[in-house]
Amino acid sequence: MADKSAEKERLFNEWFTKSYDRLRGTLRRYGMLDEDNFHDTYLFVRRQVLVPGKDITDYDAYFIGCYKKAALVKIKRENRYAHPEDDFFLRCGEEAKFLSEDDLNGCERLVK
C-alpha cells in the first residue's frame, strides 16, 4: 500500500515538474496567474493524488479546475468587504457640514 502511494506521488511530481512552465503559461494567458494560489493548488492536488481509492487520470484538467475554484473562492473572500473611497468619511458626520449642496450626489441630497 505504501509502495503504491509512493509511486503515485512520484508520478505526480514528475508530471508537475514537466508541466510547470506550461501550466504557468496557460494560466498567465488567461490573466489569472497568482503564485500563492498556484503553489497552494499544487499542494492540494498532491494531497488528493495520495488519497486511497481516488484515481486522477487527467492531472492537467484537475489542476486547472482546482486552481480556478481556489481563485474564485479568493475573489469572493476579498469582495466580501467594502473599501470606501478617501472622501467617504468626509461626507459623513460632523465633517460633512462644509460640503455645499452642489457637491452632494443624489443619495446624499435625499438624506439631507
PDB file of N, CA and C in Angstrom:
ATOM      1  N   MET A   1       0.829  -1.198   0.000  1.00  0.00           N
ATOM      2  CA  MET A   1       0.000   0.000   0.000  1.00  0.00           C
ATOM      3  C   MET A   1       0.870   1.257   0.000  1.00  0.00           C
ATOM      4  N   ALA A   2       1.901   1.266   0.830  1.00  0.00           N
ATOM      5  CA  ALA A   2       2.788   2.429   0.887  1.00  0.00           C
ATOM      6  C   ALA A   2       3.568   2.575  -0.409  1.00  0.00           C
ATOM      7  N   ASP A   3       3.914   1.431  -1.031  1.00  0.00           N
ATOM      8  CA  ASP A   3       4.645   1.488  -2.302  1.00  0.00           C
ATOM      9  C   ASP A   3       3.778   2.085  -3.403  1.00  0.00           C
ATOM     10  N   LYS A   4       2.501   1.724  -3.416  1.00  0.00           N
ATOM     11  CA  LYS A   4       1.587   2.257  -4.436  1.00  0.00           C
ATOM     12  C   LYS A   4       1.405   3.761  -4.242  1.00  0.00           C
ATOM     13  N   SER A   5       1.281   4.185  -2.993  1.00  0.00           N
ATOM     14  CA  SER A   5       1.127   5.607  -2.690  1.00  0.00           C
ATOM     15  C   SER A   5       2.384   6.380  -3.075  1.00  0.00           C
ATOM     16  N   ALA A   6       3.538   5.816  -2.765  1.00  0.00           N
ATOM     17  CA  ALA A   6       4.800   6.471  -3.120  1.00  0.00           C
ATOM     18  C   ALA A   6       4.960   6.554  -4.633  1.00  0.00           C
ATOM     19  N   GLU A   7       4.520   5.523  -5.335  1.00  0.00           N
ATOM     20  CA  GLU A   7       4.604   5.521  -6.803  1.00  0.00           C
ATOM     21  C   GLU A   7       3.675   6.583  -7.402  1.00  0.00           C
ATOM     22  N   LYS A   8       2.457   6.686  -6.855  1.00  0.00           N
ATOM     23  CA  LYS A   8       1.526   7.715  -7.336  1.00  0.00           C
ATOM     24  C   LYS A   8       2.098   9.111  -7.098  1.00  0.00           C
ATOM     25  N   GLU A   9       2.700   9.308  -5.931  1.00  0.00           N
ATOM     26  CA  GLU A   9       3.297  10.605  -5.616  1.00  0.00           C
ATOM     27  C   GLU A   9       4.462  10.909  -6.555  1.00  0.00           C
ATOM     28  N   ARG A  10       5.285   9.910  -6.833  1.00  0.00           N
ATOM     29  CA  ARG A  10       6.422  10.096  -7.731  1.00  0.00           C
ATOM     30  C   ARG A  10       5.950  10.455  -9.137  1.00  0.00           C
ATOM     31  N   LEU A  11       4.928   9.746  -9.630  1.00  0.00           N
ATOM     32  CA  LEU A  11       4.402  10.031 -10.970  1.00  0.00           C
ATOM     33  C   LEU A  11       3.816  11.443 -11.045  1.00  0.00           C
ATOM     34  N   PHE A  12       3.089  11.839 -10.002  1.00  0.00           N
ATOM     35  CA  PHE A  12       2.515  13.182  -9.994  1.00  0.00           C
ATOM     36  C   PHE A  12       3.609  14.239  -9.963  1.00  0.00           C
ATOM     37  N   ASN A  13       4.614  14.052  -9.128  1.00  0.00           N
ATOM     38  CA  ASN A  13       5.706  15.026  -9.041  1.00  0.00           C
ATOM     39  C   ASN A  13       6.479  15.122 -10.349  1.00  0.00           C
ATOM     40  N   GLU A  14       6.674  14.002 -11.033  1.00  0.00           N
ATOM     41  CA  GLU A  14       7.324  14.032 -12.349  1.00  0.00           C
ATOM     42  C   GLU A  14       6.471  14.807 -13.343  1.00  0.00           C
ATOM     43  N   TRP A  15       5.159  14.542 -13.331  1.00  0.00           N
ATOM     44  CA  TRP A  15       4.258  15.269 -14.235  1.00  0.00           C
ATOM     45  C   TRP A  15       4.317  16.764 -13.945  1.00  0.00           C
ATOM     46  N   PHE A  16       4.278  17.129 -12.672  1.00  0.00           N
ATOM     47  CA  PHE A  16       4.270  18.541 -12.310  1.00  0.00           C
ATOM     48  C   PHE A  16       5.572  19.217 -12.721  1.00  0.00           C
ATOM     49  N   THR A  17       6.681  18.529 -12.539  1.00  0.00           N
ATOM     50  CA  THR A  17       7.976  19.091 -12.935  1.00  0.00           C
ATOM     51  C   THR A  17       8.012  19.357 -14.438  1.00  0.00           C
ATOM     52  N   LYS A  18       7.498  18.406 -15.219  1.00  0.00           N
ATOM     53  CA  LYS A  18       7.482  18.564 -16.678  1.00  0.00           C
ATOM     54  C   LYS A  18       6.482  19.633 -17.120  1.00  0.00           C
ATOM     55  N   SER A  19       5.379  19.752 -16.408  1.00  0.00           N
ATOM     56  CA  SER A  19       4.279  20.626 -16.833  1.00  0.00           C
ATOM     57  C   SER A  19       4.303  22.004 -16.187  1.00  0.00           C
ATOM     58  N   TYR A  20       5.239  22.274 -15.313  1.00  0.00           N
ATOM     59  CA  TYR A  20       5.261  23.506 -14.525  1.00  0.00           C
ATOM     60  C   TYR A  20       5.186  24.755 -15.402  1.00  0.00           C
ATOM     61  N   ASP A  21       6.101  24.897 -16.343  1.00  0.00           N
ATOM     62  CA  ASP A  21       6.127  26.099 -17.188  1.00  0.00           C
ATOM     63  C   ASP A  21       4.892  26.193 -18.078  1.00  0.00           C
ATOM     64  N   ARG A  22       4.441  25.057 -18.594  1.00  0.00           N
ATOM     65  CA  ARG A  22       3.256  25.059 -19.456  1.00  0.00           C
ATOM     66  C   ARG A  22       2.010  25.474 -18.673  1.00  0.00           C
ATOM     67  N   LEU A  23       1.853  24.959 -17.459  1.00  0.00           N
ATOM     68  CA  LEU A  23       0.702  25.331 -16.624  1.00  0.00           C
ATOM     69  C   LEU A  23       0.719  26.820 -16.302  1.00  0.00           C
ATOM     70  N   ARG A  24       1.887  27.326 -15.932  1.00  0.00           N
ATOM     71  CA  ARG A  24       2.004  28.762 -15.635  1.00  0.00           C
ATOM     72  C   ARG A  24       1.671  29.594 -16.868  1.00  0.00           C
ATOM     73  N   GLY A  25       2.150  29.160 -18.031  1.00  0.00           N
ATOM     74  CA  GLY A  25       1.856  29.881 -19.271  1.00  0.00           C
ATOM     75  C   GLY A  25       0.377  29.867 -19.598  1.00  0.00           C
ATOM     76  N   THR A  26      -0.259  28.725 -19.400  1.00  0.00           N
ATOM     77  CA  THR A  26      -1.698  28.613 -19.663  1.00  0.00           C
ATOM     78  C   THR A  26      -2.486  29.549 -18.758  1.00  0.00           C
ATOM     79  N   LEU A  27      -2.162  29.555 -17.483  1.00  0.00           N
ATOM     80  CA  LEU A  27      -2.887  30.411 -16.543  1.00  0.00           C
ATOM     81  C   LEU A  27      -2.568  31.884 -16.763  1.00  0.00           C
ATOM     82  N   ARG A  28      -1.344  32.184 -17.151  1.00  0.00           N
ATOM     83  CA  ARG A  28      -0.965  33.577 -17.425  1.00  0.00           C
ATOM     84  C   ARG A  28      -1.706  34.091 -18.659  1.00  0.00           C
ATOM     85  N   ARG A  29      -1.889  33.229 -19.637  1.00  0.00           N
ATOM     86  CA  ARG A  29      -2.589  33.624 -20.864  1.00  0.00           C
ATOM     87  C   ARG A  29      -4.020  34.067 -20.556  1.00  0.00           C
ATOM     88  N   TYR A  30      -4.635  33.431 -19.575  1.00  0.00           N
ATOM     89  CA  TYR A  30      -5.989  33.819 -19.184  1.00  0.00           C
ATOM     90  C   TYR A  30      -5.989  34.966 -18.183  1.00  0.00           C
ATOM     91  N   GLY A  31      -4.807  35.472 -17.844  1.00  0.00           N
ATOM     92  CA  GLY A  31      -4.703  36.630 -16.957  1.00  0.00           C
ATOM     93  C   GLY A  31      -5.015  36.338 -15.515  1.00  0.00           C
ATOM     94  N   MET A  32      -4.802  35.113 -15.087  1.00  0.00           N
ATOM     95  CA  MET A  32      -5.179  34.781 -13.720  1.00  0.00           C
ATOM     96  C   MET A  32      -4.076  34.052 -12.957  1.00  0.00           C
ATOM     97  N   LEU A  33      -2.817  34.320 -13.263  1.00  0.00           N
ATOM     98  CA  LEU A  33      -1.733  33.647 -12.554  1.00  0.00           C
ATOM     99  C   LEU A  33      -1.461  34.345 -11.225  1.00  0.00           C
ATOM    100  N   ASP A  34      -1.635  33.604 -10.158  1.00  0.00           N
ATOM    101  CA  ASP A  34      -1.352  34.063  -8.799  1.00  0.00           C
ATOM    102  C   ASP A  34      -0.417  33.024  -8.184  1.00  0.00           C
ATOM    103  N   GLU A  35       0.810  33.425  -7.886  1.00  0.00           N
ATOM    104  CA  GLU A  35       1.835  32.483  -7.415  1.00  0.00           C
ATOM    105  C   GLU A  35       1.401  31.727  -6.158  1.00  0.00           C
ATOM    106  N   ASP A  36       0.817  32.435  -5.195  1.00  0.00           N
ATOM    107  CA  ASP A  36       0.394  31.772  -3.959  1.00  0.00           C
ATOM    108  C   ASP A  36      -0.667  30.723  -4.249  1.00  0.00           C
ATOM    109  N   ASN A  37      -1.641  31.083  -5.051  1.00  0.00           N
ATOM    110  CA  ASN A  37      -2.703  30.159  -5.410  1.00  0.00           C
ATOM    111  C   ASN A  37      -2.141  28.973  -6.196  1.00  0.00           C
ATOM    112  N   PHE A  38      -1.180  29.234  -7.077  1.00  0.00           N
ATOM    113  CA  PHE A  38      -0.572  28.182  -7.887  1.00  0.00           C
ATOM    114  C   PHE A  38       0.086  27.127  -6.990  1.00  0.00           C
ATOM    115  N   HIS A  39       0.863  27.568  -6.023  1.00  0.00           N
ATOM    116  CA  HIS A  39       1.551  26.619  -5.153  1.00  0.00           C
ATOM    117  C   HIS A  39       0.606  25.962  -4.146  1.00  0.00           C
ATOM    118  N   ASP A  40      -0.409  26.691  -3.691  1.00  0.00           N
ATOM    119  CA  ASP A  40      -1.420  26.074  -2.828  1.00  0.00           C
ATOM    120  C   ASP A  40      -2.177  24.988  -3.584  1.00  0.00           C
ATOM    121  N   THR A  41      -2.454  25.237  -4.864  1.00  0.00           N
ATOM    122  CA  THR A  41      -3.146  24.244  -5.685  1.00  0.00           C
ATOM    123  C   THR A  41      -2.280  23.009  -5.866  1.00  0.00           C
ATOM    124  N   TYR A  42      -0.981  23.205  -6.071  1.00  0.00           N
ATOM    125  CA  TYR A  42      -0.068  22.053  -6.175  1.00  0.00           C
ATOM    126  C   TYR A  42      -0.164  21.187  -4.924  1.00  0.00           C
ATOM    127  N   LEU A  43      -0.098  21.806  -3.749  1.00  0.00           N
ATOM    128  CA  LEU A  43      -0.154  21.044  -2.502  1.00  0.00           C
ATOM    129  C   LEU A  43      -1.497  20.340  -2.341  1.00  0.00           C
ATOM    130  N   PHE A  44      -2.586  21.014  -2.718  1.00  0.00           N
ATOM    131  CA  PHE A  44      -3.916  20.411  -2.615  1.00  0.00           C
ATOM    132  C   PHE A  44      -4.034  19.205  -3.540  1.00  0.00           C
ATOM    133  N   VAL A  45      -3.635  19.375  -4.805  1.00  0.00           N
ATOM    134  CA  VAL A  45      -3.753  18.279  -5.772  1.00  0.00           C
ATOM    135  C   VAL A  45      -2.846  17.125  -5.352  1.00  0.00           C
ATOM    136  N   ARG A  46      -1.677  17.421  -4.846  1.00  0.00           N
ATOM    137  CA  ARG A  46      -0.760  16.368  -4.381  1.00  0.00           C
ATOM    138  C   ARG A  46      -1.402  15.554  -3.264  1.00  0.00           C
ATOM    139  N   ARG A  47      -2.078  16.226  -2.332  1.00  0.00           N
ATOM    140  CA  ARG A  47      -2.782  15.500  -1.262  1.00  0.00           C
ATOM    141  C   ARG A  47      -3.903  14.642  -1.838  1.00  0.00           C
ATOM    142  N   GLN A  48      -4.610  15.179  -2.852  1.00  0.00           N
ATOM    143  CA  GLN A  48      -5.707  14.427  -3.451  1.00  0.00           C
ATOM    144  C   GLN A  48      -5.200  13.190  -4.192  1.00  0.00           C
ATOM    145  N   VAL A  49      -4.040  13.304  -4.799  1.00  0.00           N
ATOM    146  CA  VAL A  49      -3.446  12.163  -5.504  1.00  0.00           C
ATOM    147  C   VAL A  49      -3.145  11.036  -4.523  1.00  0.00           C
ATOM    148  N   LEU A  50      -2.773  11.380  -3.307  1.00  0.00           N
ATOM    149  CA  LEU A  50      -2.392  10.380  -2.313  1.00  0.00           C
ATOM    150  C   LEU A  50      -3.575   9.750  -1.594  1.00  0.00           C
ATOM    151  N   VAL A  51      -4.794  10.258  -1.815  1.00  0.00           N
ATOM    152  CA  VAL A  51      -5.977   9.695  -1.169  1.00  0.00           C
ATOM    153  C   VAL A  51      -6.215   8.289  -1.730  1.00  0.00           C
ATOM    154  N   PRO A  52      -6.296   7.285  -0.850  1.00  0.00           N
ATOM    155  CA  PRO A  52      -6.528   5.916  -1.327  1.00  0.00           C
ATOM    156  C   PRO A  52      -7.883   5.800  -2.034  1.00  0.00           C
ATOM    157  N   GLY A  53      -7.896   5.113  -3.143  1.00  0.00           N
ATOM    158  CA  GLY A  53      -9.130   4.896  -3.891  1.00  0.00           C
ATOM    159  C   GLY A  53      -9.502   6.029  -4.824  1.00  0.00           C
ATOM    160  N   LYS A  54      -8.756   7.106  -4.820  1.00  0.00           N
ATOM    161  CA  LYS A  54      -9.046   8.234  -5.705  1.00  0.00           C
ATOM    162  C   LYS A  54      -8.021   8.221  -6.828  1.00  0.00           C
ATOM    163  N   ASP A  55      -8.482   7.911  -8.023  1.00  0.00           N
ATOM    164  CA  ASP A  55      -7.586   7.862  -9.178  1.00  0.00           C
ATOM    165  C   ASP A  55      -7.858   9.054 -10.077  1.00  0.00           C
ATOM    166  N   ILE A  56      -6.898   9.944 -10.153  1.00  0.00           N
ATOM    167  CA  ILE A  56      -6.992  11.116 -11.022  1.00  0.00           C
ATOM    168  C   ILE A  56      -6.244  10.767 -12.299  1.00  0.00           C
ATOM    169  N   THR A  57      -6.969  10.754 -13.406  1.00  0.00           N
ATOM    170  CA  THR A  57      -6.347  10.328 -14.659  1.00  0.00           C
ATOM    171  C   THR A  57      -5.814  11.494 -15.473  1.00  0.00           C
ATOM    172  N   ASP A  58      -6.471  12.644 -15.401  1.00  0.00           N
ATOM    173  CA  ASP A  58      -6.050  13.811 -16.183  1.00  0.00           C
ATOM    174  C   ASP A  58      -5.590  14.902 -15.222  1.00  0.00           C
ATOM    175  N   TYR A  59      -4.294  14.916 -14.945  1.00  0.00           N
ATOM    176  CA  TYR A  59      -3.745  15.886 -13.999  1.00  0.00           C
ATOM    177  C   TYR A  59      -3.932  17.321 -14.483  1.00  0.00           C
ATOM    178  N   ASP A  60      -3.794  17.555 -15.786  1.00  0.00           N
ATOM    179  CA  ASP A  60      -3.933  18.917 -16.322  1.00  0.00           C
ATOM    180  C   ASP A  60      -5.303  19.503 -15.988  1.00  0.00           C
ATOM    181  N   ALA A  61      -6.342  18.789 -16.372  1.00  0.00           N
ATOM    182  CA  ALA A  61      -7.705  19.285 -16.161  1.00  0.00           C
ATOM    183  C   ALA A  61      -8.003  19.430 -14.671  1.00  0.00           C
ATOM    184  N   TYR A  62      -7.572  18.462 -13.876  1.00  0.00           N
ATOM    185  CA  TYR A  62      -7.836  18.509 -12.442  1.00  0.00           C
ATOM    186  C   TYR A  62      -7.119  19.691 -11.796  1.00  0.00           C
ATOM    187  N   PHE A  63      -5.858  19.907 -12.167  1.00  0.00           N
ATOM    188  CA  PHE A  63      -5.079  21.004 -11.594  1.00  0.00           C
ATOM    189  C   PHE A  63      -5.693  22.351 -11.959  1.00  0.00           C
ATOM    190  N   ILE A  64      -6.009  22.547 -13.231  1.00  0.00           N
ATOM    191  CA  ILE A  64      -6.569  23.833 -13.669  1.00  0.00           C
ATOM    192  C   ILE A  64      -7.943  24.060 -13.043  1.00  0.00           C
ATOM    193  N   GLY A  65      -8.749  23.011 -12.940  1.00  0.00           N
ATOM    194  CA  GLY A  65     -10.051  23.142 -12.283  1.00  0.00           C
ATOM    195  C   GLY A  65      -9.924  23.534 -10.824  1.00  0.00           C
ATOM    196  N   CYS A  66      -9.003  22.903 -10.109  1.00  0.00           N
ATOM    197  CA  CYS A  66      -8.778  23.247  -8.697  1.00  0.00           C
ATOM    198  C   CYS A  66      -8.238  24.660  -8.561  1.00  0.00           C
ATOM    199  N   TYR A  67      -7.367  25.059  -9.489  1.00  0.00           N
ATOM    200  CA  TYR A  67      -6.798  26.409  -9.454  1.00  0.00           C
ATOM    201  C   TYR A  67      -7.899  27.452  -9.643  1.00  0.00           C
ATOM    202  N   LYS A  68      -8.767  27.223 -10.628  1.00  0.00           N
ATOM    203  CA  LYS A  68      -9.852  28.182 -10.893  1.00  0.00           C
ATOM    204  C   LYS A  68     -10.802  28.274  -9.709  1.00  0.00           C
ATOM    205  N   LYS A  69     -11.129  27.129  -9.113  1.00  0.00           N
ATOM    206  CA  LYS A  69     -12.032  27.154  -7.961  1.00  0.00           C
ATOM    207  C   LYS A  69     -11.399  27.919  -6.800  1.00  0.00           C
ATOM    208  N   ALA A  70     -10.117  27.697  -6.537  1.00  0.00           N
ATOM    209  CA  ALA A  70      -9.431  28.410  -5.455  1.00  0.00           C
ATOM    210  C   ALA A  70      -9.369  29.909  -5.748  1.00  0.00           C
ATOM    211  N   ALA A  71      -9.173  30.271  -7.026  1.00  0.00           N
ATOM    212  CA  ALA A  71      -9.131  31.694  -7.396  1.00  0.00           C
ATOM    213  C   ALA A  71     -10.489  32.346  -7.165  1.00  0.00           C
ATOM    214  N   LEU A  72     -11.572  31.646  -7.514  1.00  0.00           N
ATOM    215  CA  LEU A  72     -12.912  32.196  -7.298  1.00  0.00           C
ATOM    216  C   LEU A  72     -13.218  32.357  -5.812  1.00  0.00           C
ATOM    217  N   VAL A  73     -12.799  31.396  -5.009  1.00  0.00           N
ATOM    218  CA  VAL A  73     -13.006  31.495  -3.558  1.00  0.00           C
ATOM    219  C   VAL A  73     -12.250  32.700  -3.005  1.00  0.00           C
ATOM    220  N   LYS A  74     -11.032  32.911  -3.489  1.00  0.00           N
ATOM    221  CA  LYS A  74     -10.233  34.055  -3.029  1.00  0.00           C
ATOM    222  C   LYS A  74     -10.893  35.374  -3.433  1.00  0.00           C
ATOM    223  N   ILE A  75     -11.379  35.460  -4.660  1.00  0.00           N
ATOM    224  CA  ILE A  75     -12.058  36.676  -5.123  1.00  0.00           C
ATOM    225  C   ILE A  75     -13.311  36.930  -4.293  1.00  0.00           C
ATOM    226  N   LYS A  76     -14.068  35.870  -4.040  1.00  0.00           N
ATOM    227  CA  LYS A  76     -15.287  36.008  -3.237  1.00  0.00           C
ATOM    228  C   LYS A  76     -14.949  36.499  -1.835  1.00  0.00           C
ATOM    229  N   ARG A  77     -13.887  35.962  -1.244  1.00  0.00           N
ATOM    230  CA  ARG A  77     -13.481  36.370   0.102  1.00  0.00           C
ATOM    231  C   ARG A  77     -13.044  37.832   0.121  1.00  0.00           C
ATOM    232  N   GLU A  78     -12.310  38.267  -0.905  1.00  0.00           N
ATOM    233  CA  GLU A  78     -11.837  39.651  -0.948  1.00  0.00           C
ATOM    234  C   GLU A  78     -12.969  40.633  -1.223  1.00  0.00           C
ATOM    235  N   ASN A  79     -13.970  40.231  -1.987  1.00  0.00           N
ATOM    236  CA  ASN A  79     -15.078  41.126  -2.323  1.00  0.00           C
ATOM    237  C   ASN A  79     -16.139  41.184  -1.230  1.00  0.00           C
ATOM    238  N   ARG A  80     -15.930  40.448  -0.173  1.00  0.00           N
ATOM    239  CA  ARG A  80     -16.883  40.448   0.930  1.00  0.00           C
ATOM    240  C   ARG A  80     -16.904  41.789   1.651  1.00  0.00           C
ATOM    241  N   TYR A  81     -15.817  42.519   1.569  1.00  0.00           N
ATOM    242  CA  TYR A  81     -15.680  43.760   2.315  1.00  0.00           C
ATOM    243  C   TYR A  81     -15.680  44.955   1.376  1.00  0.00           C
ATOM    244  N   ALA A  82     -16.258  46.048   1.834  1.00  0.00           N
ATOM    245  CA  ALA A  82     -16.269  47.290   1.059  1.00  0.00           C
ATOM    246  C   ALA A  82     -15.035  48.106   1.418  1.00  0.00           C
ATOM    247  N   HIS A  83     -14.475  48.748   0.418  1.00  0.00           N
ATOM    248  CA  HIS A  83     -13.318  49.614   0.626  1.00  0.00           C
ATOM    249  C   HIS A  83     -13.706  51.015   0.170  1.00  0.00           C
ATOM    250  N   PRO A  84     -14.171  51.861   1.104  1.00  0.00           N
ATOM    251  CA  PRO A  84     -14.656  53.188   0.718  1.00  0.00           C
ATOM    252  C   PRO A  84     -13.540  54.075   0.171  1.00  0.00           C
ATOM    253  N   GLU A  85     -13.948  55.012  -0.658  1.00  0.00           N
ATOM    254  CA  GLU A  85     -13.007  55.978  -1.232  1.00  0.00           C
ATOM    255  C   GLU A  85     -12.496  56.913  -0.133  1.00  0.00           C
ATOM    256  N   ASP A  86     -11.471  57.684  -0.456  1.00  0.00           N
ATOM    257  CA  ASP A  86     -10.859  58.581   0.531  1.00  0.00           C
ATOM    258  C   ASP A  86     -11.840  59.620   1.072  1.00  0.00           C
ATOM    259  N   ASP A  87     -12.714  60.133   0.222  1.00  0.00           N
ATOM    260  CA  ASP A  87     -13.615  61.195   0.667  1.00  0.00           C
ATOM    261  C   ASP A  87     -14.888  60.669   1.331  1.00  0.00           C
ATOM    262  N   PHE A  88     -15.028  59.359   1.478  1.00  0.00           N
ATOM    263  CA  PHE A  88     -16.226  58.786   2.073  1.00  0.00           C
ATOM    264  C   PHE A  88     -16.462  59.318   3.483  1.00  0.00           C
ATOM    265  N   PHE A  89     -15.422  59.332   4.301  1.00  0.00           N
ATOM    266  CA  PHE A  89     -15.582  59.750   5.690  1.00  0.00           C
ATOM    267  C   PHE A  89     -15.751  61.261   5.822  1.00  0.00           C
ATOM    268  N   LEU A  90     -15.313  62.000   4.814  1.00  0.00           N
ATOM    269  CA  LEU A  90     -15.537  63.445   4.832  1.00  0.00           C
ATOM    270  C   LEU A  90     -17.015  63.771   4.628  1.00  0.00           C
ATOM    271  N   ARG A  91     -17.719  62.899   3.971  1.00  0.00           N
ATOM    272  CA  ARG A  91     -19.132  63.137   3.670  1.00  0.00           C
ATOM    273  C   ARG A  91     -20.051  62.674   4.802  1.00  0.00           C
ATOM    274  N   CYS A  92     -19.496  62.064   5.824  1.00  0.00           N
ATOM    275  CA  CYS A  92     -20.299  61.552   6.939  1.00  0.00           C
ATOM    276  C   CYS A  92     -20.060  62.390   8.196  1.00  0.00           C
ATOM    277  N   GLY A  93     -21.023  62.421   9.035  1.00  0.00           N
ATOM    278  CA  GLY A  93     -20.873  63.027  10.353  1.00  0.00           C
ATOM    279  C   GLY A  93     -20.698  64.532  10.338  1.00  0.00           C
ATOM    280  N   GLU A  94     -20.015  65.032  11.355  1.00  0.00           N
ATOM    281  CA  GLU A  94     -19.836  66.465  11.561  1.00  0.00           C
ATOM    282  C   GLU A  94     -19.025  67.120  10.450  1.00  0.00           C
ATOM    283  N   GLU A  95     -18.100  66.388   9.864  1.00  0.00           N
ATOM    284  CA  GLU A  95     -17.240  66.959   8.834  1.00  0.00           C
ATOM    285  C   GLU A  95     -18.009  67.294   7.559  1.00  0.00           C
ATOM    286  N   ALA A  96     -19.178  66.725   7.394  1.00  0.00           N
ATOM    287  CA  ALA A  96     -19.936  66.899   6.150  1.00  0.00           C
ATOM    288  C   ALA A  96     -20.587  68.273   6.047  1.00  0.00           C
ATOM    289  N   LYS A  97     -20.584  69.071   7.103  1.00  0.00           N
ATOM    290  CA  LYS A  97     -21.274  70.360   7.082  1.00  0.00           C
ATOM    291  C   LYS A  97     -20.629  71.354   6.130  1.00  0.00           C
ATOM    292  N   PHE A  98     -19.346  71.195   5.847  1.00  0.00           N
ATOM    293  CA  PHE A  98     -18.687  72.163   4.965  1.00  0.00           C
ATOM    294  C   PHE A  98     -18.956  71.885   3.481  1.00  0.00           C
ATOM    295  N   LEU A  99     -19.599  70.776   3.148  1.00  0.00           N
ATOM    296  CA  LEU A  99     -19.905  70.478   1.748  1.00  0.00           C
ATOM    297  C   LEU A  99     -21.136  71.261   1.307  1.00  0.00           C
ATOM    298  N   SER A 100     -21.070  71.844   0.139  1.00  0.00           N
ATOM    299  CA  SER A 100     -22.231  72.573  -0.380  1.00  0.00           C
ATOM    300  C   SER A 100     -23.208  71.585  -1.008  1.00  0.00           C
ATOM    301  N   GLU A 101     -24.419  72.038  -1.258  1.00  0.00           N
ATOM    302  CA  GLU A 101     -25.441  71.193  -1.886  1.00  0.00           C
ATOM    303  C   GLU A 101     -25.004  70.711  -3.263  1.00  0.00           C
ATOM    304  N   ASP A 102     -24.217  71.504  -3.964  1.00  0.00           N
ATOM    305  CA  ASP A 102     -23.762  71.131  -5.307  1.00  0.00           C
ATOM    306  C   ASP A 102     -22.756  69.985  -5.274  1.00  0.00           C
ATOM    307  N   ASP A 103     -22.027  69.845  -4.167  1.00  0.00           N
ATOM    308  CA  ASP A 103     -21.025  68.789  -4.049  1.00  0.00           C
ATOM    309  C   ASP A 103     -21.630  67.437  -3.686  1.00  0.00           C
ATOM    310  N   LEU A 104     -22.859  67.418  -3.242  1.00  0.00           N
ATOM    311  CA  LEU A 104     -23.501  66.176  -2.821  1.00  0.00           C
ATOM    312  C   LEU A 104     -24.042  65.422  -4.029  1.00  0.00           C
ATOM    313  N   ASN A 105     -24.008  64.090  -3.948  1.00  0.00           N
ATOM    314  CA  ASN A 105     -24.634  63.312  -5.013  1.00  0.00           C
ATOM    315  C   ASN A 105     -26.111  63.112  -4.683  1.00  0.00           C
ATOM    316  N   GLY A 106     -26.838  62.450  -5.555  1.00  0.00           N
ATOM    317  CA  GLY A 106     -28.282  62.308  -5.405  1.00  0.00           C
ATOM    318  C   GLY A 106     -28.703  61.646  -4.104  1.00  0.00           C
ATOM    319  N   CYS A 107     -28.044  60.581  -3.732  1.00  0.00           N
ATOM    320  CA  CYS A 107     -28.386  59.877  -2.495  1.00  0.00           C
ATOM    321  C   CYS A 107     -28.117  60.745  -1.275  1.00  0.00           C
ATOM    322  N   GLU A 108     -27.020  61.487  -1.308  1.00  0.00           N
ATOM    323  CA  GLU A 108     -26.688  62.349  -0.176  1.00  0.00           C
ATOM    324  C   GLU A 108     -27.695  63.483  -0.042  1.00  0.00           C
ATOM    325  N   ARG A 109     -28.215  63.964  -1.158  1.00  0.00           N
ATOM    326  CA  ARG A 109     -29.233  65.025  -1.097  1.00  0.00           C
ATOM    327  C   ARG A 109     -30.520  64.509  -0.472  1.00  0.00           C
ATOM    328  N   LEU A 110     -30.869  63.254  -0.736  1.00  0.00           N
ATOM    329  CA  LEU A 110     -32.071  62.672  -0.151  1.00  0.00           C
ATOM    330  C   LEU A 110     -31.950  62.560   1.367  1.00  0.00           C
ATOM    331  N   VAL A 111     -30.776  62.252   1.852  1.00  0.00           N
ATOM    332  CA  VAL A 111     -30.562  62.088   3.286  1.00  0.00           C
ATOM    333  C   VAL A 111     -30.600  63.423   3.997  1.00  0.00           C
ATOM    334  N   LYS A 112     -30.066  64.484   3.368  1.00  0.00           N
ATOM    335  CA  LYS A 112     -30.007  65.809   3.996  1.00  0.00           C
ATOM    336  C   LYS A 112     -31.357  66.335   4.130  1.00  0.00           C
TER     337      LYS A 112
END
